[in-house]
């Protein structure tokens, strides 16, 4: 199969959209934007659930930036002995 006959799925999708009416293209764009927003929400919810799980297991610490910097300094001192 030559490169000219190999069309990517992305290119095929673009060509399929181009034959739609402007109204249908706008509707498709709205649908895609809504689906992308939902996927992003789902990813965020998944990340929140993971952080909550880590917090419940005691793997997450909260503190100030100064606390964080002090902890970094302590770990560097231990590493360099």
PDB file of N, CA and C in Angstrom:
ATOM      1  N   UNK A   1       0.838  -1.173   0.000  1.00  0.00           N
ATOM      2  CA  UNK A   1       0.000   0.000   0.000  1.00  0.00           C
ATOM      3  C   UNK A   1       0.892   1.248   0.000  1.00  0.00           C
ATOM      4  N   UNK A   2       0.650   2.157  -0.917  1.00  0.00           N
ATOM      5  CA  UNK A   2       1.481   3.359  -0.991  1.00  0.00           C
ATOM      6  C   UNK A   2       1.014   4.400   0.004  1.00  0.00           C
ATOM      7  N   UNK A   3       1.878   5.387   0.217  1.00  0.00           N
ATOM      8  CA  UNK A   3       1.553   6.449   1.174  1.00  0.00           C
ATOM      9  C   UNK A   3       0.330   7.244   0.731  1.00  0.00           C
ATOM     10  N   UNK A   4       0.123   7.397  -0.566  1.00  0.00           N
ATOM     11  CA  UNK A   4      -1.029   8.174  -1.028  1.00  0.00           C
ATOM     12  C   UNK A   4      -2.332   7.449  -0.766  1.00  0.00           C
ATOM     13  N   UNK A   5      -2.320   6.142  -0.709  1.00  0.00           N
ATOM     14  CA  UNK A   5      -3.556   5.409  -0.417  1.00  0.00           C
ATOM     15  C   UNK A   5      -3.768   5.213   1.078  1.00  0.00           C
ATOM     16  N   UNK A   6      -2.699   5.440   1.834  1.00  0.00           N
ATOM     17  CA  UNK A   6      -2.827   5.334   3.289  1.00  0.00           C
ATOM     18  C   UNK A   6      -3.259   6.691   3.847  1.00  0.00           C
ATOM     19  N   UNK A   7      -4.493   6.753   4.260  1.00  0.00           N
ATOM     20  CA  UNK A   7      -4.999   7.986   4.852  1.00  0.00           C
ATOM     21  C   UNK A   7      -5.217   7.737   6.323  1.00  0.00           C
ATOM     22  N   UNK A   8      -4.713   8.649   7.138  1.00  0.00           N
ATOM     23  CA  UNK A   8      -4.869   8.476   8.575  1.00  0.00           C
ATOM     24  C   UNK A   8      -6.331   8.587   8.969  1.00  0.00           C
ATOM     25  N   UNK A   9      -6.654   8.004  10.097  1.00  0.00           N
ATOM     26  CA  UNK A   9      -8.021   8.112  10.607  1.00  0.00           C
ATOM     27  C   UNK A   9      -8.389   9.563  10.847  1.00  0.00           C
ATOM     28  N   UNK A  10      -7.420  10.348  11.276  1.00  0.00           N
ATOM     29  CA  UNK A  10      -7.674  11.764  11.524  1.00  0.00           C
ATOM     30  C   UNK A  10      -8.061  12.468  10.237  1.00  0.00           C
ATOM     31  N   UNK A  11      -7.321  12.210   9.190  1.00  0.00           N
ATOM     32  CA  UNK A  11      -7.618  12.826   7.892  1.00  0.00           C
ATOM     33  C   UNK A  11      -8.982  12.358   7.390  1.00  0.00           C
ATOM     34  N   UNK A  12      -9.297  11.096   7.580  1.00  0.00           N
ATOM     35  CA  UNK A  12     -10.604  10.574   7.178  1.00  0.00           C
ATOM     36  C   UNK A  12     -11.716  11.279   7.941  1.00  0.00           C
ATOM     37  N   UNK A  13     -11.515  11.504   9.219  1.00  0.00           N
ATOM     38  CA  UNK A  13     -12.515  12.192  10.027  1.00  0.00           C
ATOM     39  C   UNK A  13     -12.705  13.616   9.525  1.00  0.00           C
ATOM     40  N   UNK A  14     -11.609  14.308   9.238  1.00  0.00           N
ATOM     41  CA  UNK A  14     -11.712  15.678   8.721  1.00  0.00           C
ATOM     42  C   UNK A  14     -12.486  15.716   7.406  1.00  0.00           C
ATOM     43  N   UNK A  15     -12.185  14.780   6.535  1.00  0.00           N
ATOM     44  CA  UNK A  15     -12.867  14.744   5.246  1.00  0.00           C
ATOM     45  C   UNK A  15     -14.358  14.450   5.418  1.00  0.00           C
ATOM     46  N   UNK A  16     -14.686  13.585   6.380  1.00  0.00           N
ATOM     47  CA  UNK A  16     -16.090  13.262   6.625  1.00  0.00           C
ATOM     48  C   UNK A  16     -16.832  14.476   7.174  1.00  0.00           C
ATOM     49  N   UNK A  17     -16.171  15.253   8.007  1.00  0.00           N
ATOM     50  CA  UNK A  17     -16.799  16.442   8.591  1.00  0.00           C
ATOM     51  C   UNK A  17     -16.994  17.517   7.536  1.00  0.00           C
ATOM     52  N   UNK A  18     -16.053  17.647   6.638  1.00  0.00           N
ATOM     53  CA  UNK A  18     -16.120  18.691   5.623  1.00  0.00           C
ATOM     54  C   UNK A  18     -17.336  18.561   4.708  1.00  0.00           C
ATOM     55  N   UNK A  19     -17.853  17.363   4.550  1.00  0.00           N
ATOM     56  CA  UNK A  19     -19.016  17.192   3.666  1.00  0.00           C
ATOM     57  C   UNK A  19     -20.329  17.486   4.387  1.00  0.00           C
ATOM     58  N   UNK A  20     -20.275  17.655   5.700  1.00  0.00           N
ATOM     59  CA  UNK A  20     -21.482  17.983   6.462  1.00  0.00           C
ATOM     60  C   UNK A  20     -21.860  19.441   6.247  1.00  0.00           C
ATOM     61  N   UNK A  21     -23.119  19.739   6.468  1.00  0.00           N
ATOM     62  CA  UNK A  21     -23.564  21.132   6.392  1.00  0.00           C
ATOM     63  C   UNK A  21     -22.928  21.916   7.543  1.00  0.00           C
ATOM     64  N   UNK A  22     -22.911  23.233   7.419  1.00  0.00           N
ATOM     65  CA  UNK A  22     -22.351  24.057   8.486  1.00  0.00           C
ATOM     66  C   UNK A  22     -23.093  23.833   9.798  1.00  0.00           C
ATOM     67  N   UNK A  23     -24.399  23.666   9.728  1.00  0.00           N
ATOM     68  CA  UNK A  23     -25.196  23.416  10.929  1.00  0.00           C
ATOM     69  C   UNK A  23     -24.773  22.103  11.593  1.00  0.00           C
ATOM     70  N   UNK A  24     -24.592  21.068  10.779  1.00  0.00           N
ATOM     71  CA  UNK A  24     -24.167  19.774  11.322  1.00  0.00           C
ATOM     72  C   UNK A  24     -22.745  19.852  11.885  1.00  0.00           C
ATOM     73  N   UNK A  25     -21.875  20.607  11.224  1.00  0.00           N
ATOM     74  CA  UNK A  25     -20.516  20.772  11.725  1.00  0.00           C
ATOM     75  C   UNK A  25     -20.532  21.473  13.083  1.00  0.00           C
ATOM     76  N   UNK A  26     -21.371  22.499  13.220  1.00  0.00           N
ATOM     77  CA  UNK A  26     -21.480  23.217  14.492  1.00  0.00           C
ATOM     78  C   UNK A  26     -22.018  22.296  15.580  1.00  0.00           C
ATOM     79  N   UNK A  27     -23.012  21.472  15.226  1.00  0.00           N
ATOM     80  CA  UNK A  27     -23.579  20.541  16.191  1.00  0.00           C
ATOM     81  C   UNK A  27     -22.522  19.511  16.607  1.00  0.00           C
ATOM     82  N   UNK A  28     -21.755  19.022  15.655  1.00  0.00           N
ATOM     83  CA  UNK A  28     -20.687  18.065  15.945  1.00  0.00           C
ATOM     84  C   UNK A  28     -19.641  18.689  16.858  1.00  0.00           C
ATOM     85  N   UNK A  29     -19.296  19.939  16.599  1.00  0.00           N
ATOM     86  CA  UNK A  29     -18.330  20.643  17.435  1.00  0.00           C
ATOM     87  C   UNK A  29     -18.843  20.754  18.862  1.00  0.00           C
ATOM     88  N   UNK A  30     -20.118  21.102  19.031  1.00  0.00           N
ATOM     89  CA  UNK A  30     -20.704  21.184  20.374  1.00  0.00           C
ATOM     90  C   UNK A  30     -20.645  19.841  21.085  1.00  0.00           C
ATOM     91  N   UNK A  31     -20.986  18.790  20.367  1.00  0.00           N
ATOM     92  CA  UNK A  31     -20.964  17.446  20.961  1.00  0.00           C
ATOM     93  C   UNK A  31     -19.548  17.077  21.389  1.00  0.00           C
ATOM     94  N   UNK A  32     -18.568  17.337  20.523  1.00  0.00           N
ATOM     95  CA  UNK A  32     -17.175  17.011  20.848  1.00  0.00           C
ATOM     96  C   UNK A  32     -16.680  17.815  22.047  1.00  0.00           C
ATOM     97  N   UNK A  33     -17.031  19.103  22.097  1.00  0.00           N
ATOM     98  CA  UNK A  33     -16.616  19.924  23.232  1.00  0.00           C
ATOM     99  C   UNK A  33     -17.226  19.409  24.526  1.00  0.00           C
ATOM    100  N   UNK A  34     -18.499  19.037  24.492  1.00  0.00           N
ATOM    101  CA  UNK A  34     -19.148  18.494  25.689  1.00  0.00           C
ATOM    102  C   UNK A  34     -18.503  17.195  26.130  1.00  0.00           C
ATOM    103  N   UNK A  35     -18.175  16.342  25.181  1.00  0.00           N
ATOM    104  CA  UNK A  35     -17.540  15.061  25.523  1.00  0.00           C
ATOM    105  C   UNK A  35     -16.147  15.279  26.104  1.00  0.00           C
ATOM    106  N   UNK A  36     -15.404  16.225  25.533  1.00  0.00           N
ATOM    107  CA  UNK A  36     -14.073  16.518  26.065  1.00  0.00           C
ATOM    108  C   UNK A  36     -14.160  17.066  27.480  1.00  0.00           C
ATOM    109  N   UNK A  37     -15.121  17.952  27.718  1.00  0.00           N
ATOM    110  CA  UNK A  37     -15.303  18.488  29.070  1.00  0.00           C
ATOM    111  C   UNK A  37     -15.650  17.379  30.050  1.00  0.00           C
ATOM    112  N   UNK A  38     -16.497  16.446  29.644  1.00  0.00           N
ATOM    113  CA  UNK A  38     -16.866  15.337  30.514  1.00  0.00           C
ATOM    114  C   UNK A  38     -15.668  14.440  30.788  1.00  0.00           C
ATOM    115  N   UNK A  39     -14.859  14.187  29.765  1.00  0.00           N
ATOM    116  CA  UNK A  39     -13.662  13.364  29.955  1.00  0.00           C
ATOM    117  C   UNK A  39     -12.697  14.042  30.920  1.00  0.00           C
ATOM    118  N   UNK A  40     -12.544  15.357  30.805  1.00  0.00           N
ATOM    119  CA  UNK A  40     -11.668  16.089  31.722  1.00  0.00           C
ATOM    120  C   UNK A  40     -12.213  16.019  33.143  1.00  0.00           C
ATOM    121  N   UNK A  41     -13.541  16.160  33.287  1.00  0.00           N
ATOM    122  CA  UNK A  41     -14.157  16.035  34.618  1.00  0.00           C
ATOM    123  C   UNK A  41     -13.889  14.659  35.200  1.00  0.00           C
ATOM    124  N   UNK A  42     -14.067  13.630  34.372  1.00  0.00           N
ATOM    125  CA  UNK A  42     -13.839  12.262  34.831  1.00  0.00           C
ATOM    126  C   UNK A  42     -12.398  12.063  35.279  1.00  0.00           C
ATOM    127  N   UNK A  43     -11.440  12.619  34.528  1.00  0.00           N
ATOM    128  CA  UNK A  43     -10.031  12.516  34.906  1.00  0.00           C
ATOM    129  C   UNK A  43      -9.775  13.234  36.230  1.00  0.00           C
ATOM    130  N   UNK A  44     -10.373  14.412  36.391  1.00  0.00           N
ATOM    131  CA  UNK A  44     -10.197  15.165  37.630  1.00  0.00           C
ATOM    132  C   UNK A  44     -10.787  14.401  38.811  1.00  0.00           C
ATOM    133  N   UNK A  45     -11.970  13.829  38.631  1.00  0.00           N
ATOM    134  CA  UNK A  45     -12.584  13.041  39.696  1.00  0.00           C
ATOM    135  C   UNK A  45     -11.723  11.835  40.058  1.00  0.00           C
ATOM    136  N   UNK A  46     -11.128  11.229  39.053  1.00  0.00           N
ATOM    137  CA  UNK A  46     -10.241  10.085  39.283  1.00  0.00           C
ATOM    138  C   UNK A  46      -9.020  10.520  40.096  1.00  0.00           C
ATOM    139  N   UNK A  47      -8.436  11.669  39.729  1.00  0.00           N
ATOM    140  CA  UNK A  47      -7.269  12.166  40.456  1.00  0.00           C
ATOM    141  C   UNK A  47      -7.635  12.519  41.892  1.00  0.00           C
ATOM    142  N   UNK A  48      -8.799  13.128  42.097  1.00  0.00           N
ATOM    143  CA  UNK A  48      -9.241  13.472  43.449  1.00  0.00           C
ATOM    144  C   UNK A  48      -9.422  12.200  44.272  1.00  0.00           C
ATOM    145  N   UNK A  49     -10.012  11.181  43.672  1.00  0.00           N
ATOM    146  CA  UNK A  49     -10.207   9.912  44.382  1.00  0.00           C
ATOM    147  C   UNK A  49      -8.864   9.293  44.763  1.00  0.00           C
ATOM    148  N   UNK A  50      -7.872   9.387  43.873  1.00  0.00           N
ATOM    149  CA  UNK A  50      -6.548   8.842  44.168  1.00  0.00           C
ATOM    150  C   UNK A  50      -5.890   9.592  45.324  1.00  0.00           C
ATOM    151  N   UNK A  51      -6.007  10.923  45.314  1.00  0.00           N
ATOM    152  CA  UNK A  51      -5.417  11.717  46.391  1.00  0.00           C
ATOM    153  C   UNK A  51      -6.112  11.402  47.709  1.00  0.00           C
ATOM    154  N   UNK A  52      -7.429  11.275  47.678  1.00  0.00           N
ATOM    155  CA  UNK A  52      -8.163  10.932  48.900  1.00  0.00           C
ATOM    156  C   UNK A  52      -7.725   9.580  49.436  1.00  0.00           C
ATOM    157  N   UNK A  53      -7.512   8.628  48.547  1.00  0.00           N
ATOM    158  CA  UNK A  53      -7.066   7.298  48.956  1.00  0.00           C
ATOM    159  C   UNK A  53      -5.680   7.389  49.579  1.00  0.00           C
ATOM    160  N   UNK A  54      -4.783   8.135  48.940  1.00  0.00           N
ATOM    161  CA  UNK A  54      -3.442   8.290  49.493  1.00  0.00           C
ATOM    162  C   UNK A  54      -3.489   8.998  50.840  1.00  0.00           C
ATOM    163  N   UNK A  55      -4.363   9.977  50.978  1.00  0.00           N
ATOM    164  CA  UNK A  55      -4.516  10.688  52.249  1.00  0.00           C
ATOM    165  C   UNK A  55      -5.021   9.735  53.325  1.00  0.00           C
ATOM    166  N   UNK A  56      -6.004   8.899  52.957  1.00  0.00           N
ATOM    167  CA  UNK A  56      -6.562   7.940  53.907  1.00  0.00           C
ATOM    168  C   UNK A  56      -5.501   6.939  54.354  1.00  0.00           C
ATOM    169  N   UNK A  57      -4.555   6.642  53.468  1.00  0.00           N
ATOM    170  CA  UNK A  57      -3.479   5.709  53.801  1.00  0.00           C
ATOM    171  C   UNK A  57      -2.319   6.400  54.511  1.00  0.00           C
ATOM    172  N   UNK A  58      -2.429   7.712  54.690  1.00  0.00           N
ATOM    173  CA  UNK A  58      -1.379   8.456  55.378  1.00  0.00           C
ATOM    174  C   UNK A  58      -0.190   8.803  54.512  1.00  0.00           C
ATOM    175  N   UNK A  59      -0.355   8.744  53.195  1.00  0.00           N
ATOM    176  CA  UNK A  59       0.752   9.026  52.280  1.00  0.00           C
ATOM    177  C   UNK A  59       0.812  10.481  51.841  1.00  0.00           C
ATOM    178  N   UNK A  60      -0.114  11.308  52.318  1.00  0.00           N
ATOM    179  CA  UNK A  60      -0.159  12.713  51.933  1.00  0.00           C
ATOM    180  C   UNK A  60      -0.008  13.566  53.182  1.00  0.00           C
ATOM    181  N   UNK A  61       0.855  14.562  53.078  1.00  0.00           N
ATOM    182  CA  UNK A  61       1.064  15.464  54.204  1.00  0.00           C
ATOM    183  C   UNK A  61       0.666  16.869  53.773  1.00  0.00           C
ATOM    184  N   UNK A  62       0.121  17.627  54.703  1.00  0.00           N
ATOM    185  CA  UNK A  62      -0.230  19.007  54.440  1.00  0.00           C
ATOM    186  C   UNK A  62       0.634  19.909  55.310  1.00  0.00           C
ATOM    187  N   UNK A  63       0.987  21.061  54.791  1.00  0.00           N
ATOM    188  CA  UNK A  63       1.785  22.004  55.551  1.00  0.00           C
ATOM    189  C   UNK A  63       2.045  23.240  54.716  1.00  0.00           C
ATOM    190  N   UNK A  64       2.838  24.103  55.262  1.00  0.00           N
ATOM    191  CA  UNK A  64       3.174  25.343  54.575  1.00  0.00           C
ATOM    192  C   UNK A  64       4.338  25.106  53.617  1.00  0.00           C
ATOM    193  N   UNK A  65       4.632  26.108  52.824  1.00  0.00           N
ATOM    194  CA  UNK A  65       5.794  26.035  51.939  1.00  0.00           C
ATOM    195  C   UNK A  65       7.064  25.914  52.777  1.00  0.00           C
ATOM    196  N   UNK A  66       7.102  26.617  53.886  1.00  0.00           N
ATOM    197  CA  UNK A  66       8.271  26.536  54.776  1.00  0.00           C
ATOM    198  C   UNK A  66       8.459  25.108  55.283  1.00  0.00           C
ATOM    199  N   UNK A  67       7.353  24.438  55.631  1.00  0.00           N
ATOM    200  CA  UNK A  67       7.438  23.037  56.068  1.00  0.00           C
ATOM    201  C   UNK A  67       8.010  22.165  54.955  1.00  0.00           C
ATOM    202  N   UNK A  68       7.532  22.395  53.741  1.00  0.00           N
ATOM    203  CA  UNK A  68       7.986  21.625  52.581  1.00  0.00           C
ATOM    204  C   UNK A  68       9.476  21.845  52.357  1.00  0.00           C
ATOM    205  N   UNK A  69       9.923  23.100  52.412  1.00  0.00           N
ATOM    206  CA  UNK A  69      11.335  23.416  52.199  1.00  0.00           C
ATOM    207  C   UNK A  69      12.198  22.790  53.294  1.00  0.00           C
ATOM    208  N   UNK A  70      11.718  22.837  54.523  1.00  0.00           N
ATOM    209  CA  UNK A  70      12.466  22.235  55.627  1.00  0.00           C
ATOM    210  C   UNK A  70      12.589  20.730  55.426  1.00  0.00           C
ATOM    211  N   UNK A  71      11.535  20.102  54.971  1.00  0.00           N
ATOM    212  CA  UNK A  71      11.577  18.665  54.729  1.00  0.00           C
ATOM    213  C   UNK A  71      12.553  18.333  53.605  1.00  0.00           C
ATOM    214  N   UNK A  72      12.583  19.168  52.563  1.00  0.00           N
ATOM    215  CA  UNK A  72      13.558  18.960  51.488  1.00  0.00           C
ATOM    216  C   UNK A  72      14.982  19.086  52.014  1.00  0.00           C
ATOM    217  N   UNK A  73      15.219  20.101  52.841  1.00  0.00           N
ATOM    218  CA  UNK A  73      16.555  20.297  53.420  1.00  0.00           C
ATOM    219  C   UNK A  73      16.946  19.082  54.265  1.00  0.00           C
ATOM    220  N   UNK A  74      16.027  18.570  55.057  1.00  0.00           N
ATOM    221  CA  UNK A  74      16.302  17.392  55.896  1.00  0.00           C
ATOM    222  C   UNK A  74      16.649  16.183  55.033  1.00  0.00           C
ATOM    223  N   UNK A  75      15.901  15.968  53.965  1.00  0.00           N
ATOM    224  CA  UNK A  75      16.145  14.800  53.123  1.00  0.00           C
ATOM    225  C   UNK A  75      17.471  14.940  52.384  1.00  0.00           C
ATOM    226  N   UNK A  76      17.862  16.168  52.005  1.00  0.00           N
ATOM    227  CA  UNK A  76      19.151  16.381  51.361  1.00  0.00           C
ATOM    228  C   UNK A  76      20.298  16.112  52.332  1.00  0.00           C
ATOM    229  N   UNK A  77      20.138  16.566  53.556  1.00  0.00           N
ATOM    230  CA  UNK A  77      21.161  16.339  54.572  1.00  0.00           C
ATOM    231  C   UNK A  77      21.345  14.843  54.827  1.00  0.00           C
ATOM    232  N   UNK A  78      20.243  14.112  54.874  1.00  0.00           N
ATOM    233  CA  UNK A  78      20.312  12.668  55.107  1.00  0.00           C
ATOM    234  C   UNK A  78      20.959  11.980  53.922  1.00  0.00           C
ATOM    235  N   UNK A  79      20.681  12.455  52.710  1.00  0.00           N
ATOM    236  CA  UNK A  79      21.219  11.835  51.511  1.00  0.00           C
ATOM    237  C   UNK A  79      22.725  12.073  51.380  1.00  0.00           C
ATOM    238  N   UNK A  80      23.178  13.251  51.798  1.00  0.00           N
ATOM    239  CA  UNK A  80      24.587  13.598  51.669  1.00  0.00           C
ATOM    240  C   UNK A  80      25.370  13.317  52.945  1.00  0.00           C
ATOM    241  N   UNK A  81      24.639  12.904  53.974  1.00  0.00           N
ATOM    242  CA  UNK A  81      25.193  12.504  55.246  1.00  0.00           C
ATOM    243  C   UNK A  81      26.125  13.410  55.851  1.00  0.00           C
TER     244      UNK A  81
END
